[in-house]
Every structure is written in structure tokens, then in C-alpha cells.
Amino acid sequence: MIELEIAKSKEEIVKIANLGFVIWQEYYTAIIGEEQVKYMLQKFQTEEAIHDQLKEGYEYFTILYNSLGVGYLACIVQENSLFLSKIYVLKKFRGNGIGKYCLNFLIQKGKNLKLVDISLSVNKYNEDSILFYKKYGFKNIDAQIKDIGGGFIMDDYKMVKKIENTF
């Protein structure tokens, strides 16, 4: 069974930061390298960084699979769009319908808020994720290079899906 639990307490935020540390290292090191992973974890995924993002209006959710915390997602409303900031799942739990469940959740959330679409940024070399998003109707609409400091950039595609029906 898959569930999403909104993160509000310090303990939930710590749990998400710990999941991020594991997931990013097991998945993103091969794509962006160990040094950039360390930098991005420190900049975006510490307990303090997540707390700051919550104050900015982001919502974080722990992804539960059979009651076990196996990942997390974060989103924020930006004008008429729901921006999917993060969706990360532990390697050994991928392929269990968790991503599809999360996208359906986001579509329903967007419908409830009367938003037009869901947008996201994905690393240009993250081929598995790009294929996943395309499978569920996301379209690549732009290429973006963003300086994130520390001598690092994010080299991403912006992808968008109109909010229509669930899968």
C-alpha cells in the first residue's frame, strides 16, 4: 500500500533529510558526480534547508510503502501551475507504482486548486526519469542552465503536463 504523509514536525523533516542523503548518493552520483551531490544535499536537502522551503510555501510529503518511509516529494504552487520540486524513491523500491501514485496525487491536488498544469525540472542526463515523465504525458518545453553556486550548475529540461485525468 502506498500513502503520502505531509511533513510538518521536526521528526518528519529529519526523516526526509535522511532519505535524501541516501537516495541522492545512490542515484545522482553517477549523473552529476560526488562533489555536486554533496554540495546540493547541503544546499537543498538538510533539515534547515527543508524547514526554510516549508516557510516559503513548499509542501513536503514522506512516501510510505507498506508503512515504511521509502521516499519523498515536494511541491509548491507557482501562479497557475503546481511545481513538482522533488520526487525521490529509494532504489530498491522503484518499479512498484510509487511514481505513478505520486503523479496521480499531484494531478488531483492541482485539480482541487484549479491549476492548469504540473511543471518540473529534470537533469538532462537523467534518462530514466525523463522517460518516466514522458510516459505519463509530460512534454519537454525548454532547456535551462542555472548557476547554483559552488562552481556547479543545474543543466535541466523543463517539463510540463496539463492537468487532465489521472492515469
N, C-alpha and C. Protein backbone atom coordinates (compact mmCIF):
# COMPACT_ATOMS: atom_id res chain seq x y z
N MET A 1 0.83 -1.18 0.00
CA MET A 1 0.00 0.00 0.00
C MET A 1 0.88 1.25 0.00
N ILE A 2 0.53 2.22 -0.82
CA ILE A 2 1.28 3.47 -0.94
C ILE A 2 0.47 4.60 -0.31
N GLU A 3 1.14 5.41 0.49
CA GLU A 3 0.50 6.56 1.13
C GLU A 3 1.47 7.73 1.12
N LEU A 4 0.93 8.94 1.25
CA LEU A 4 1.74 10.13 1.41
C LEU A 4 1.38 10.77 2.75
N GLU A 5 2.42 11.14 3.49
CA GLU A 5 2.25 11.74 4.81
C GLU A 5 2.88 13.12 4.77
N ILE A 6 2.07 14.15 4.97
CA ILE A 6 2.60 15.52 4.92
C ILE A 6 3.59 15.72 6.07
N ALA A 7 4.68 16.38 5.76
CA ALA A 7 5.74 16.63 6.75
C ALA A 7 5.51 17.97 7.42
N LYS A 8 5.32 17.93 8.72
CA LYS A 8 5.13 19.16 9.48
C LYS A 8 6.04 19.21 10.70
N SER A 9 6.32 18.06 11.27
CA SER A 9 7.10 18.04 12.50
C SER A 9 8.60 17.97 12.21
N LYS A 10 9.37 18.33 13.21
CA LYS A 10 10.83 18.26 13.11
C LYS A 10 11.28 16.83 12.79
N GLU A 11 10.63 15.84 13.41
CA GLU A 11 10.99 14.44 13.19
C GLU A 11 10.76 14.03 11.73
N GLU A 12 9.66 14.48 11.14
CA GLU A 12 9.36 14.16 9.74
C GLU A 12 10.36 14.82 8.81
N ILE A 13 10.75 16.04 9.13
CA ILE A 13 11.73 16.75 8.31
C ILE A 13 13.09 16.05 8.38
N VAL A 14 13.47 15.62 9.57
CA VAL A 14 14.73 14.87 9.73
C VAL A 14 14.68 13.57 8.92
N LYS A 15 13.55 12.88 8.97
CA LYS A 15 13.38 11.63 8.22
C LYS A 15 13.58 11.87 6.71
N ILE A 16 13.00 12.96 6.20
CA ILE A 16 13.13 13.30 4.78
C ILE A 16 14.57 13.65 4.45
N ALA A 17 15.21 14.44 5.29
CA ALA A 17 16.62 14.80 5.04
C ALA A 17 17.49 13.54 5.00
N ASN A 18 17.23 12.60 5.89
CA ASN A 18 17.99 11.33 5.90
C ASN A 18 17.73 10.50 4.65
N LEU A 19 16.48 10.44 4.22
CA LEU A 19 16.15 9.74 2.98
C LEU A 19 16.87 10.40 1.80
N GLY A 20 16.87 11.71 1.77
CA GLY A 20 17.55 12.43 0.69
C GLY A 20 19.02 12.10 0.62
N PHE A 21 19.66 12.03 1.76
CA PHE A 21 21.09 11.72 1.80
C PHE A 21 21.36 10.37 1.14
N VAL A 22 20.55 9.37 1.43
CA VAL A 22 20.74 8.03 0.86
C VAL A 22 20.39 8.01 -0.62
N ILE A 23 19.20 8.54 -0.97
CA ILE A 23 18.72 8.47 -2.35
C ILE A 23 19.63 9.23 -3.30
N TRP A 24 20.01 10.42 -2.93
CA TRP A 24 20.86 11.23 -3.81
C TRP A 24 22.17 10.53 -4.09
N GLN A 25 22.77 9.93 -3.07
CA GLN A 25 24.06 9.27 -3.27
C GLN A 25 23.91 8.02 -4.11
N GLU A 26 22.83 7.26 -3.94
CA GLU A 26 22.69 6.02 -4.69
C GLU A 26 22.27 6.26 -6.13
N TYR A 27 21.70 7.42 -6.43
CA TYR A 27 21.18 7.66 -7.77
C TYR A 27 21.92 8.75 -8.53
N TYR A 28 22.17 9.88 -7.90
CA TYR A 28 22.67 11.04 -8.64
C TYR A 28 24.18 11.12 -8.78
N THR A 29 24.92 10.37 -8.00
CA THR A 29 26.38 10.41 -8.11
C THR A 29 26.81 10.06 -9.53
N ALA A 30 26.18 9.08 -10.13
CA ALA A 30 26.53 8.66 -11.50
C ALA A 30 26.17 9.72 -12.54
N ILE A 31 25.23 10.59 -12.22
CA ILE A 31 24.76 11.59 -13.18
C ILE A 31 25.52 12.90 -13.04
N ILE A 32 25.69 13.38 -11.81
CA ILE A 32 26.30 14.71 -11.62
C ILE A 32 27.61 14.68 -10.84
N GLY A 33 28.00 13.55 -10.34
CA GLY A 33 29.26 13.43 -9.63
C GLY A 33 29.12 13.62 -8.13
N GLU A 34 30.05 13.04 -7.41
CA GLU A 34 30.02 13.03 -5.95
C GLU A 34 30.09 14.42 -5.34
N GLU A 35 30.94 15.28 -5.88
CA GLU A 35 31.09 16.62 -5.30
C GLU A 35 29.82 17.46 -5.44
N GLN A 36 29.18 17.40 -6.61
CA GLN A 36 27.95 18.16 -6.78
C GLN A 36 26.83 17.58 -5.93
N VAL A 37 26.76 16.26 -5.78
CA VAL A 37 25.76 15.65 -4.90
C VAL A 37 25.94 16.18 -3.48
N LYS A 38 27.17 16.16 -2.97
CA LYS A 38 27.43 16.67 -1.61
C LYS A 38 26.99 18.13 -1.47
N TYR A 39 27.35 18.94 -2.49
CA TYR A 39 27.00 20.35 -2.46
C TYR A 39 25.49 20.55 -2.45
N MET A 40 24.79 19.84 -3.33
CA MET A 40 23.35 20.02 -3.45
C MET A 40 22.61 19.49 -2.22
N LEU A 41 23.09 18.39 -1.65
CA LEU A 41 22.49 17.90 -0.41
C LEU A 41 22.59 18.96 0.68
N GLN A 42 23.76 19.56 0.80
CA GLN A 42 23.97 20.58 1.82
C GLN A 42 23.11 21.82 1.57
N LYS A 43 23.02 22.20 0.31
CA LYS A 43 22.29 23.43 -0.04
C LYS A 43 20.77 23.25 -0.01
N PHE A 44 20.26 22.09 -0.45
CA PHE A 44 18.83 21.93 -0.65
C PHE A 44 18.14 20.89 0.23
N GLN A 45 18.89 19.97 0.85
CA GLN A 45 18.23 18.84 1.49
C GLN A 45 18.56 18.64 2.96
N THR A 46 19.17 19.60 3.60
CA THR A 46 19.38 19.49 5.04
C THR A 46 18.07 19.80 5.76
N GLU A 47 18.04 19.47 7.02
CA GLU A 47 16.87 19.79 7.84
C GLU A 47 16.56 21.29 7.78
N GLU A 48 17.60 22.11 7.88
CA GLU A 48 17.42 23.56 7.84
C GLU A 48 16.91 24.03 6.49
N ALA A 49 17.46 23.49 5.39
CA ALA A 49 17.02 23.87 4.04
C ALA A 49 15.56 23.50 3.82
N ILE A 50 15.17 22.31 4.26
CA ILE A 50 13.78 21.88 4.10
C ILE A 50 12.86 22.78 4.93
N HIS A 51 13.27 23.08 6.15
CA HIS A 51 12.48 23.97 7.00
C HIS A 51 12.28 25.33 6.33
N ASP A 52 13.34 25.87 5.74
CA ASP A 52 13.25 27.15 5.02
C ASP A 52 12.29 27.05 3.83
N GLN A 53 12.35 25.93 3.11
CA GLN A 53 11.45 25.75 1.97
C GLN A 53 10.00 25.66 2.42
N LEU A 54 9.75 25.02 3.54
CA LEU A 54 8.39 24.96 4.08
C LEU A 54 7.87 26.36 4.39
N LYS A 55 8.73 27.22 4.93
CA LYS A 55 8.33 28.61 5.21
C LYS A 55 8.02 29.37 3.93
N GLU A 56 8.64 28.98 2.81
CA GLU A 56 8.41 29.64 1.51
C GLU A 56 7.12 29.14 0.85
N GLY A 57 6.49 28.11 1.41
CA GLY A 57 5.25 27.60 0.85
C GLY A 57 5.33 26.22 0.23
N TYR A 58 6.50 25.62 0.22
CA TYR A 58 6.63 24.24 -0.27
C TYR A 58 5.91 23.31 0.68
N GLU A 59 5.39 22.23 0.12
CA GLU A 59 4.85 21.14 0.93
C GLU A 59 5.72 19.92 0.68
N TYR A 60 6.11 19.26 1.75
CA TYR A 60 6.89 18.02 1.67
C TYR A 60 6.03 16.87 2.16
N PHE A 61 6.17 15.74 1.49
CA PHE A 61 5.45 14.54 1.85
C PHE A 61 6.41 13.36 1.92
N THR A 62 6.30 12.57 2.97
CA THR A 62 7.03 11.31 3.03
C THR A 62 6.21 10.28 2.26
N ILE A 63 6.87 9.53 1.40
CA ILE A 63 6.21 8.45 0.66
C ILE A 63 6.35 7.18 1.49
N LEU A 64 5.20 6.60 1.83
CA LEU A 64 5.17 5.37 2.62
C LEU A 64 4.77 4.21 1.71
N TYR A 65 5.53 3.13 1.79
CA TYR A 65 5.21 1.91 1.05
C TYR A 65 5.10 0.80 2.09
N ASN A 66 3.89 0.28 2.25
CA ASN A 66 3.62 -0.68 3.33
C ASN A 66 4.09 -0.13 4.68
N SER A 67 3.77 1.12 4.93
CA SER A 67 4.06 1.85 6.17
C SER A 67 5.54 2.19 6.37
N LEU A 68 6.39 1.90 5.41
CA LEU A 68 7.82 2.19 5.50
C LEU A 68 8.14 3.43 4.68
N GLY A 69 8.87 4.39 5.27
CA GLY A 69 9.28 5.59 4.54
C GLY A 69 10.31 5.24 3.48
N VAL A 70 9.93 5.37 2.20
CA VAL A 70 10.81 4.94 1.11
C VAL A 70 11.18 6.08 0.16
N GLY A 71 10.68 7.28 0.43
CA GLY A 71 10.99 8.41 -0.43
C GLY A 71 10.24 9.64 0.01
N TYR A 72 10.30 10.66 -0.84
CA TYR A 72 9.60 11.90 -0.52
C TYR A 72 9.34 12.70 -1.78
N LEU A 73 8.38 13.60 -1.67
CA LEU A 73 8.14 14.54 -2.75
C LEU A 73 7.89 15.90 -2.15
N ALA A 74 8.13 16.93 -2.96
CA ALA A 74 7.88 18.30 -2.54
C ALA A 74 7.29 19.05 -3.73
N CYS A 75 6.35 19.94 -3.42
CA CYS A 75 5.72 20.73 -4.47
C CYS A 75 5.37 22.11 -3.92
N ILE A 76 5.10 23.02 -4.85
CA ILE A 76 4.67 24.37 -4.49
C ILE A 76 3.82 24.92 -5.63
N VAL A 77 2.82 25.71 -5.27
CA VAL A 77 2.01 26.38 -6.29
C VAL A 77 2.78 27.60 -6.77
N GLN A 78 2.90 27.71 -8.10
CA GLN A 78 3.53 28.87 -8.73
C GLN A 78 2.57 29.38 -9.80
N GLU A 79 1.92 30.48 -9.51
CA GLU A 79 0.90 31.05 -10.39
C GLU A 79 -0.19 30.01 -10.65
N ASN A 80 -0.40 29.60 -11.90
CA ASN A 80 -1.45 28.62 -12.24
C ASN A 80 -0.90 27.22 -12.38
N SER A 81 0.28 26.96 -11.82
CA SER A 81 0.96 25.69 -12.00
C SER A 81 1.35 25.09 -10.66
N LEU A 82 1.37 23.77 -10.61
CA LEU A 82 1.91 23.07 -9.45
C LEU A 82 3.31 22.62 -9.84
N PHE A 83 4.31 23.16 -9.18
CA PHE A 83 5.70 22.82 -9.48
C PHE A 83 6.11 21.62 -8.64
N LEU A 84 6.47 20.54 -9.31
CA LEU A 84 6.99 19.34 -8.65
C LEU A 84 8.48 19.56 -8.44
N SER A 85 8.84 19.93 -7.25
CA SER A 85 10.23 20.25 -6.93
C SER A 85 11.08 19.00 -6.76
N LYS A 86 10.50 17.99 -6.10
CA LYS A 86 11.28 16.79 -5.78
C LYS A 86 10.36 15.58 -5.74
N ILE A 87 10.84 14.50 -6.31
CA ILE A 87 10.21 13.21 -6.11
C ILE A 87 11.34 12.19 -6.16
N TYR A 88 11.62 11.60 -5.01
CA TYR A 88 12.75 10.69 -4.87
C TYR A 88 12.31 9.44 -4.13
N VAL A 89 12.74 8.28 -4.65
CA VAL A 89 12.39 6.99 -4.07
C VAL A 89 13.66 6.15 -3.92
N LEU A 90 13.78 5.48 -2.79
CA LEU A 90 14.91 4.57 -2.60
C LEU A 90 14.99 3.57 -3.74
N LYS A 91 16.19 3.27 -4.17
CA LYS A 91 16.43 2.43 -5.34
C LYS A 91 15.68 1.10 -5.28
N LYS A 92 15.72 0.42 -4.16
CA LYS A 92 15.12 -0.92 -4.09
C LYS A 92 13.59 -0.91 -4.11
N PHE A 93 12.97 0.28 -4.04
CA PHE A 93 11.51 0.36 -4.08
C PHE A 93 10.98 0.93 -5.39
N ARG A 94 11.87 1.27 -6.32
CA ARG A 94 11.42 1.76 -7.62
C ARG A 94 10.79 0.60 -8.39
N GLY A 95 9.83 0.94 -9.24
CA GLY A 95 9.16 -0.09 -10.03
C GLY A 95 7.94 -0.69 -9.34
N ASN A 96 7.49 -0.08 -8.24
CA ASN A 96 6.33 -0.58 -7.50
C ASN A 96 5.10 0.31 -7.65
N GLY A 97 5.10 1.19 -8.64
CA GLY A 97 3.95 2.07 -8.87
C GLY A 97 3.95 3.31 -8.00
N ILE A 98 5.04 3.56 -7.29
CA ILE A 98 5.10 4.71 -6.38
C ILE A 98 5.08 6.02 -7.15
N GLY A 99 5.86 6.11 -8.22
CA GLY A 99 5.90 7.34 -9.01
C GLY A 99 4.55 7.65 -9.62
N LYS A 100 3.90 6.66 -10.17
CA LYS A 100 2.57 6.83 -10.76
C LYS A 100 1.56 7.29 -9.69
N TYR A 101 1.63 6.67 -8.51
CA TYR A 101 0.76 7.08 -7.41
C TYR A 101 0.98 8.56 -7.07
N CYS A 102 2.24 8.96 -6.99
CA CYS A 102 2.57 10.35 -6.64
C CYS A 102 2.08 11.32 -7.71
N LEU A 103 2.23 10.96 -8.99
CA LEU A 103 1.74 11.83 -10.06
C LEU A 103 0.22 11.97 -10.00
N ASN A 104 -0.48 10.88 -9.73
CA ASN A 104 -1.93 10.97 -9.59
C ASN A 104 -2.32 11.88 -8.42
N PHE A 105 -1.58 11.76 -7.32
CA PHE A 105 -1.81 12.63 -6.17
C PHE A 105 -1.65 14.10 -6.58
N LEU A 106 -0.58 14.40 -7.32
CA LEU A 106 -0.32 15.78 -7.74
C LEU A 106 -1.37 16.29 -8.71
N ILE A 107 -1.82 15.42 -9.61
CA ILE A 107 -2.88 15.82 -10.54
C ILE A 107 -4.15 16.16 -9.76
N GLN A 108 -4.51 15.32 -8.80
CA GLN A 108 -5.71 15.59 -8.01
C GLN A 108 -5.55 16.87 -7.20
N LYS A 109 -4.38 17.08 -6.65
CA LYS A 109 -4.10 18.31 -5.90
C LYS A 109 -4.25 19.53 -6.81
N GLY A 110 -3.68 19.44 -8.01
CA GLY A 110 -3.80 20.52 -8.98
C GLY A 110 -5.23 20.79 -9.38
N LYS A 111 -6.01 19.72 -9.58
CA LYS A 111 -7.43 19.89 -9.92
C LYS A 111 -8.17 20.59 -8.78
N ASN A 112 -7.90 20.15 -7.56
CA ASN A 112 -8.57 20.74 -6.40
C ASN A 112 -8.26 22.23 -6.27
N LEU A 113 -7.05 22.61 -6.66
CA LEU A 113 -6.63 24.00 -6.59
C LEU A 113 -6.95 24.78 -7.87
N LYS A 114 -7.59 24.09 -8.84
CA LYS A 114 -7.97 24.69 -10.13
C LYS A 114 -6.76 25.22 -10.90
N LEU A 115 -5.66 24.45 -10.86
CA LEU A 115 -4.44 24.83 -11.57
C LEU A 115 -4.47 24.27 -12.99
N VAL A 116 -3.63 24.82 -13.85
CA VAL A 116 -3.61 24.47 -15.26
C VAL A 116 -2.71 23.28 -15.55
N ASP A 117 -1.55 23.23 -14.88
CA ASP A 117 -0.59 22.18 -15.21
C ASP A 117 0.33 21.86 -14.05
N ILE A 118 1.14 20.83 -14.26
CA ILE A 118 2.22 20.45 -13.35
C ILE A 118 3.51 20.67 -14.12
N SER A 119 4.47 21.34 -13.51
CA SER A 119 5.76 21.56 -14.15
C SER A 119 6.87 21.00 -13.25
N LEU A 120 8.01 20.74 -13.88
CA LEU A 120 9.16 20.23 -13.14
C LEU A 120 10.43 20.49 -13.93
N SER A 121 11.54 20.36 -13.25
CA SER A 121 12.86 20.42 -13.88
C SER A 121 13.52 19.07 -13.66
N VAL A 122 14.17 18.55 -14.70
CA VAL A 122 14.84 17.26 -14.60
C VAL A 122 16.20 17.38 -15.30
N ASN A 123 17.21 16.82 -14.67
CA ASN A 123 18.55 16.85 -15.25
C ASN A 123 18.53 16.23 -16.64
N LYS A 124 19.20 16.90 -17.59
CA LYS A 124 19.20 16.44 -18.98
C LYS A 124 19.77 15.04 -19.16
N TYR A 125 20.57 14.58 -18.21
CA TYR A 125 21.19 13.27 -18.33
C TYR A 125 20.50 12.21 -17.46
N ASN A 126 19.40 12.58 -16.86
CA ASN A 126 18.63 11.66 -16.03
C ASN A 126 17.61 10.95 -16.93
N GLU A 127 18.12 10.07 -17.77
CA GLU A 127 17.31 9.45 -18.82
C GLU A 127 16.13 8.65 -18.29
N ASP A 128 16.32 7.91 -17.20
CA ASP A 128 15.22 7.12 -16.64
C ASP A 128 14.05 8.00 -16.23
N SER A 129 14.35 9.10 -15.56
CA SER A 129 13.28 10.00 -15.10
C SER A 129 12.61 10.70 -16.28
N ILE A 130 13.38 11.11 -17.26
CA ILE A 130 12.80 11.75 -18.45
C ILE A 130 11.83 10.79 -19.13
N LEU A 131 12.22 9.55 -19.31
CA LEU A 131 11.33 8.55 -19.92
C LEU A 131 10.08 8.34 -19.08
N PHE A 132 10.24 8.29 -17.77
CA PHE A 132 9.10 8.14 -16.87
C PHE A 132 8.12 9.29 -17.06
N TYR A 133 8.61 10.51 -17.01
CA TYR A 133 7.72 11.67 -17.15
C TYR A 133 7.04 11.69 -18.52
N LYS A 134 7.78 11.39 -19.57
CA LYS A 134 7.18 11.34 -20.91
C LYS A 134 6.08 10.29 -20.98
N LYS A 135 6.30 9.15 -20.35
CA LYS A 135 5.30 8.07 -20.34
C LYS A 135 3.97 8.57 -19.77
N TYR A 136 4.03 9.47 -18.83
CA TYR A 136 2.82 9.98 -18.19
C TYR A 136 2.40 11.36 -18.69
N GLY A 137 2.83 11.71 -19.90
CA GLY A 137 2.28 12.87 -20.58
C GLY A 137 3.01 14.18 -20.41
N PHE A 138 4.16 14.19 -19.77
CA PHE A 138 4.92 15.42 -19.66
C PHE A 138 5.62 15.71 -20.98
N LYS A 139 5.67 16.98 -21.34
CA LYS A 139 6.34 17.42 -22.56
C LYS A 139 7.54 18.28 -22.19
N ASN A 140 8.64 18.08 -22.90
CA ASN A 140 9.83 18.89 -22.71
C ASN A 140 9.59 20.21 -23.42
N ILE A 141 9.59 21.32 -22.67
CA ILE A 141 9.30 22.61 -23.29
C ILE A 141 10.48 23.59 -23.30
N ASP A 142 11.55 23.25 -22.57
CA ASP A 142 12.65 24.21 -22.50
C ASP A 142 13.89 23.54 -21.92
N ALA A 143 15.04 24.10 -22.25
CA ALA A 143 16.30 23.70 -21.62
C ALA A 143 16.73 24.85 -20.71
N GLN A 144 17.22 24.51 -19.53
CA GLN A 144 17.59 25.53 -18.55
C GLN A 144 18.96 25.21 -17.96
N ILE A 145 19.80 26.22 -17.88
CA ILE A 145 21.07 26.08 -17.16
C ILE A 145 21.04 27.13 -16.06
N LYS A 146 21.20 26.65 -14.82
CA LYS A 146 21.11 27.55 -13.67
C LYS A 146 22.36 27.39 -12.80
N ASP A 147 23.00 28.50 -12.52
CA ASP A 147 24.15 28.51 -11.62
C ASP A 147 23.62 28.39 -10.19
N ILE A 148 24.06 27.34 -9.48
CA ILE A 148 23.58 27.13 -8.11
C ILE A 148 24.67 27.43 -7.07
N GLY A 149 25.77 28.03 -7.54
CA GLY A 149 26.85 28.37 -6.63
C GLY A 149 27.84 27.24 -6.46
N GLY A 150 28.92 27.51 -5.78
CA GLY A 150 29.93 26.49 -5.51
C GLY A 150 30.63 25.98 -6.75
N GLY A 151 30.50 26.70 -7.88
CA GLY A 151 31.08 26.24 -9.13
C GLY A 151 30.24 25.20 -9.85
N PHE A 152 28.98 25.01 -9.43
CA PHE A 152 28.11 24.00 -10.01
C PHE A 152 26.92 24.64 -10.73
N ILE A 153 26.40 23.90 -11.71
CA ILE A 153 25.20 24.32 -12.43
C ILE A 153 24.19 23.18 -12.40
N MET A 154 22.94 23.56 -12.63
CA MET A 154 21.91 22.56 -12.89
C MET A 154 21.60 22.69 -14.38
N ASP A 155 21.79 21.60 -15.11
CA ASP A 155 21.59 21.54 -16.56
C ASP A 155 20.34 20.70 -16.79
N ASP A 156 19.19 21.36 -16.89
CA ASP A 156 17.90 20.68 -16.82
C ASP A 156 17.03 20.92 -18.04
N TYR A 157 16.03 20.07 -18.15
CA TYR A 157 14.89 20.31 -19.03
C TYR A 157 13.73 20.74 -18.16
N LYS A 158 12.93 21.67 -18.67
CA LYS A 158 11.67 21.99 -18.02
C LYS A 158 10.61 21.16 -18.73
N MET A 159 9.83 20.43 -17.95
CA MET A 159 8.78 19.58 -18.50
C MET A 159 7.45 20.00 -17.88
N VAL A 160 6.38 19.89 -18.68
CA VAL A 160 5.06 20.32 -18.24
C VAL A 160 4.02 19.30 -18.68
N LYS A 161 3.03 19.10 -17.82
CA LYS A 161 1.88 18.25 -18.14
C LYS A 161 0.62 19.03 -17.79
N LYS A 162 -0.28 19.14 -18.76
CA LYS A 162 -1.59 19.74 -18.49
C LYS A 162 -2.34 18.83 -17.50
N ILE A 163 -3.05 19.46 -16.60
CA ILE A 163 -3.83 18.70 -15.63
C ILE A 163 -5.14 18.30 -16.29
N GLU A 164 -5.28 16.99 -16.44
CA GLU A 164 -6.50 16.44 -17.04
C GLU A 164 -6.96 15.30 -16.16
N ASN A 165 -6.90 14.11 -16.68
CA ASN A 165 -7.34 12.95 -15.94
C ASN A 165 -6.17 12.22 -15.29
N THR A 166 -6.48 11.42 -14.28
CA THR A 166 -5.46 10.58 -13.67
C THR A 166 -5.16 9.41 -14.60
N PHE A 167 -4.16 8.63 -14.30
CA PHE A 167 -3.73 7.52 -15.17
C PHE A 167 -4.46 6.25 -14.80
